[in-house]
Amino acid sequence: GNMALLGELKLSSNQFSGSLPTAVFNLSKLLVLSLDGNLLNGSIPQEIGNLEALNVLNLEKNQISGSIPPSIGKLSKLYELRLSRNVLTGEIPVEIGQLQDLQSAL
């Protein structure tokens, strides 16, 4: 089916494994993406920046590795960013500082 108008995708606390599904990054109307408490691995792709309507990004408690991509700075409506309890490396991109609505980042 066509999920282009999907506003919220909440799949927390399941046993999903593998990398973040690329189809998610085509959901341009998505406001909430919660995939916390799973077994997801791999890195956060640059395509995360396609989710320009996103308010909440919760990827806590997974096995996501690599660095946070600078394209996260395109999420200008983001007010909650949760990435704790992963195995992320590298520096926090300066682009996160451009997220003026960001109220909570862990």
Protein backbone atom coordinates (compact mmCIF):
# COMPACT_ATOMS: atom_id res chain seq x y z
CA GLY A 1 0.00 0.00 0.00
CA ASN A 2 0.88 3.66 -0.21
CA MET A 3 2.28 4.88 3.10
CA ALA A 4 3.41 8.29 1.81
CA LEU A 5 0.99 10.10 4.15
CA LEU A 6 1.98 8.14 7.27
CA GLY A 7 2.41 10.51 10.23
CA GLU A 8 3.72 8.20 12.97
CA LEU A 9 5.72 4.99 12.88
CA LYS A 10 6.07 3.48 16.36
CA LEU A 11 7.70 0.05 16.44
CA SER A 12 9.36 0.20 19.85
CA SER A 13 10.43 -2.78 21.97
CA ASN A 14 10.25 -5.54 19.40
CA GLN A 15 12.98 -7.86 18.21
CA PHE A 16 13.58 -6.12 14.87
CA SER A 17 17.14 -6.64 13.67
CA GLY A 18 19.25 -5.56 10.73
CA SER A 19 19.85 -2.07 9.46
CA LEU A 20 17.35 0.77 9.42
CA PRO A 21 14.88 0.10 6.58
CA THR A 22 15.59 2.48 3.70
CA ALA A 23 11.89 2.78 2.77
CA VAL A 24 11.34 4.73 6.00
CA PHE A 25 13.38 7.62 4.62
CA ASN A 26 10.86 8.15 1.80
CA LEU A 27 8.04 8.94 4.27
CA SER A 28 8.22 12.71 3.82
CA LYS A 29 5.15 13.42 6.03
CA LEU A 30 6.45 11.39 8.98
CA LEU A 31 6.26 13.30 12.27
CA VAL A 32 7.30 10.56 14.73
CA LEU A 33 9.78 7.73 14.17
CA SER A 34 10.21 5.48 17.21
CA LEU A 35 12.29 2.35 16.69
CA ASP A 36 13.76 2.21 20.19
CA GLY A 37 14.32 -1.01 22.12
CA ASN A 38 15.07 -3.23 19.14
CA LEU A 39 18.19 -4.97 17.80
CA LEU A 40 18.81 -2.62 14.87
CA ASN A 41 22.41 -2.23 13.72
CA GLY A 42 24.36 -0.50 10.99
CA SER A 43 24.62 3.25 10.73
CA ILE A 44 22.16 6.11 10.47
CA PRO A 45 22.12 6.88 6.74
CA GLN A 46 22.43 10.36 5.21
CA GLU A 47 18.86 9.89 3.96
CA ILE A 48 17.64 10.65 7.49
CA GLY A 49 17.68 14.26 6.25
CA ASN A 50 14.78 13.45 3.91
CA LEU A 51 12.39 13.34 6.89
CA GLU A 52 12.07 17.13 7.03
CA ALA A 53 8.67 17.06 8.82
CA LEU A 54 9.99 14.89 11.67
CA ASN A 55 9.32 16.10 15.24
CA VAL A 56 10.52 13.04 17.18
CA LEU A 57 13.36 10.64 16.34
CA ASN A 58 13.84 7.86 18.89
CA LEU A 59 16.44 5.20 18.07
CA GLU A 60 17.50 4.50 21.69
CA LYS A 61 18.50 1.05 22.93
CA ASN A 62 19.63 -0.52 19.66
CA GLN A 63 23.04 -1.51 18.30
CA ILE A 64 23.38 1.37 15.83
CA SER A 65 27.00 2.21 15.07
CA GLY A 66 29.00 4.77 13.13
CA SER A 67 28.64 8.51 13.40
CA ILE A 68 25.59 10.76 13.37
CA PRO A 69 25.28 12.06 9.79
CA PRO A 70 25.44 15.85 9.25
CA SER A 71 22.19 15.60 7.26
CA ILE A 72 20.39 15.37 10.61
CA GLY A 73 20.66 19.16 10.54
CA LYS A 74 17.95 19.20 7.84
CA LEU A 75 15.37 18.06 10.41
CA SER A 76 14.43 21.65 11.23
CA LYS A 77 11.17 20.69 13.01
CA LEU A 78 12.83 18.13 15.30
CA TYR A 79 12.22 18.77 18.99
CA GLU A 80 13.12 15.37 20.46
CA LEU A 81 16.22 13.37 19.50
CA ARG A 82 16.97 10.14 21.35
CA LEU A 83 20.05 8.16 20.34
CA SER A 84 21.38 6.92 23.69
CA ARG A 85 22.36 3.31 24.42
CA ASN A 86 23.76 2.58 20.97
CA VAL A 87 27.39 2.21 19.89
CA LEU A 88 27.73 5.50 18.02
CA THR A 89 31.22 6.88 17.43
CA GLY A 90 32.72 10.13 16.24
CA GLU A 91 31.83 13.68 17.07
CA ILE A 92 28.37 15.17 17.34
CA PRO A 93 27.85 17.05 14.08
CA VAL A 94 27.74 20.83 14.40
CA GLU A 95 24.56 20.76 12.31
CA ILE A 96 22.64 19.61 15.39
CA GLY A 97 23.22 23.12 16.72
CA GLN A 98 21.06 24.45 13.87
CA LEU A 99 17.98 22.60 15.17
CA GLN A 100 16.30 25.56 16.84
CA ASP A 101 13.22 23.63 18.01
CA LEU A 102 15.25 20.88 19.68
CA GLN A 103 14.17 20.60 23.32
CA SER A 104 15.43 17.17 24.28
CA ALA A 105 18.54 15.37 23.05
CA LEU A 106 19.90 12.27 24.73
